Amino acid sequence: MKKSIPVLLLVGLLLAMCAFGALAAPLRDGRQECLSRMRSLSSQSLYVRWDKRHAVVRSISGVLTRPGSSDPVEIARAFLQDNRSLFGLHEPEKDLRFSTSRSTPVGIFVRFRQKAGGLDVMGGGIILRILGRQVRTVVNNMKGGGRQVPQAELSPEQGAKIARDYLAIPVSPVKTTLLVLPWEGAMNPAYRVEFPFTGHPVPARYNVYVDAVDGHILIVDNRVMSQTAPPGSGAGVDGVVKSFPVYYNGVTFVLADRPSLSHSRLLVRTFSAGNTVTTPGTILTDSDNYWDDPAAVDAHYYGNYVMKYYLNNFGYLFKWYAKSGFRTSHGLVSTVHYDVNYENAFWDGNEVVYGDGGTYFAPLSGAIDVVAHEITHGVTESINHLIYCKESGALNESWSDVMGMFVSLDYGDDFPYWSGEEIMKIADTDPAYYAMRRLDDPPFRTDAYPANDYNPSSPLSSWGQPENTQEEYLTAMCNQSNDYGGVHINSGIPNKAAYLIVTNPDIGLQKAEQIYYYAMFYLSSTSRFPDARVALEQSATDLYGTGVELSGVRSAFDQVGVY
């Protein structure tokens, strides 16, 4: 016992140095001692990424603690308390509030939400990965750099009225919340005014952020993100006959089923809006079990495939499913025949909705990557709630495109790096518009059609997208007229990085899909392109160490200008 006292005192001194050092001089305030202590716990090297501007750790991984209690949240709390200066924390118990704890095959992700002035800071916080009762990874998303938050001067009622007057839509807000919005370099007290789904004048489910000091609109975030019986069968949009499970209720066959008997809570059901804007509409039935509705056949068949893909490749479905719109709908609800000649598809928070197309597109459910894209919006919304504005919205779109690419590769698509090519009406329009997007060539500059090339001088009228931040579309505001700050434009930049990652011979599909899926847990609602790079680098390190996989992720983002 006597010999253990000096060791305990030494550990206590190190912890105190980690916790109470001044923040002025990097690595001279006890942070080096923190890192040295962590390095002593394992022969594995630490992977540390610094935020040089604020002199704090941006992310770190390795064996960071000795095994702690059986409660992962308490392990995380103790770690942050002991190492708070590494992450720029002054009083962790006041700066952070526990948010979620989610188990995955690679560990338990514990998320803390940042607080400032007693208010939640949107997108701010810290995420820790716990494995074997040890902290293995920390990603620091703290915002503001210690800046003060002004006092709100408007009432919630005033904020809600400003938002409603701005939108001029026929629905009233359902919830108004005061929070801190880190945006454009400021810590803004803001009201988040939430509106229910409306189909007019366009499908939308708005969250409007109103500055609580002077009442100007900060962000308009549209959460509608566009794009046991004998097996049933029917021809899809491509004319190919497909077979799929359905349900027989004793009278007729119903386009509903469970994709896995081991997940009896998960239903896949397909409805028709009957060319109205009422959703979900009417569930589809058939008397002879040969289905004559190609749009419905593909929505149901591909919907099953995508849900099975998530189940088979990532498992632990219900760790995010329980708090998602899928749970609200008791599984995947798909609605086809939305509106008349509607040239889009979208996730509305509870279901995936497909139009029949018109000039450019056949029914949008006819492309498996489009189906995967929209379903992934539901996954993203549950895990990190990326807002639909500027780079955050472009990441939201990109993750859906990338998961669509992975599903296409898994399915054996002829053109897995193109999106939506199966539903393009090139026989009726210009053959230049043969795909919605290309992840291998976002600007469409390698084909023989100049008409589809990305033009940085007119990004909103370009078919193609930028593939490097040098051509990124930048705008001050997010609204429908500028594609909410270029969410469908700038997504080409991270899309190209994903293509470079999955085609890297040292990575390939099986590793890439795991890296991208688990990186979602490190993103916050306001993450930007550099945050995505950090998340993907950290995910690659968690899964495969600091070898060729990490190098491949770094190289891909270097090539698209994201550092």
Foldseek 3Di string as FASTA:
>chain_A
DVVCVVVVVVVVVLLCQLQDFDQPDAPPRSLVSLLVVQCVVDVAHKDWDAPVVLNATQKIFDQRDDADDPDLVVLVVVVCNSRVSNQPDNDCVQQWAWDDWFQFPLAIKTWIFGDAPNFTEFQATKIFGADNNTTGMIGGRHDDSPDHEDDFDADQVVLQVLVCVVVVDDWGFDDWDWHWYCDPNDTFTWIFTWTAFDPPPHTFTWTWIFGRHPGDTQATFTLWDKFPDAWFWEAAPLRDIDTGDWDDPPQWTWLKDALDPVCVLAMEWEAECQQEQDPPHGTDTDHPRYDYDNLRRLLSVLLSLLVVVCCVQTNSVCSLVVQFLCVVVSHEYEYENYHAQDQIWTARRNYIYWHCHHQWWGTRSRWSLSSQLRVVSRSLCRQANATCAAQSVLVNNLLSNLSSLLSCVVVVPPQSQFAPLSTTPCVRDPVLPNGQAGLQFQQSPVDDDPQQGQDLVCRVPHSGAAQAPVSQQADNYADVVCSRGQSVHHNSNVSNLLVQLQPPPVAHSSRSVQLSVQLSNQGHRHDGQLSSLVSSLVSCCSVPNDDDNSVSSVVSNVVRHHD
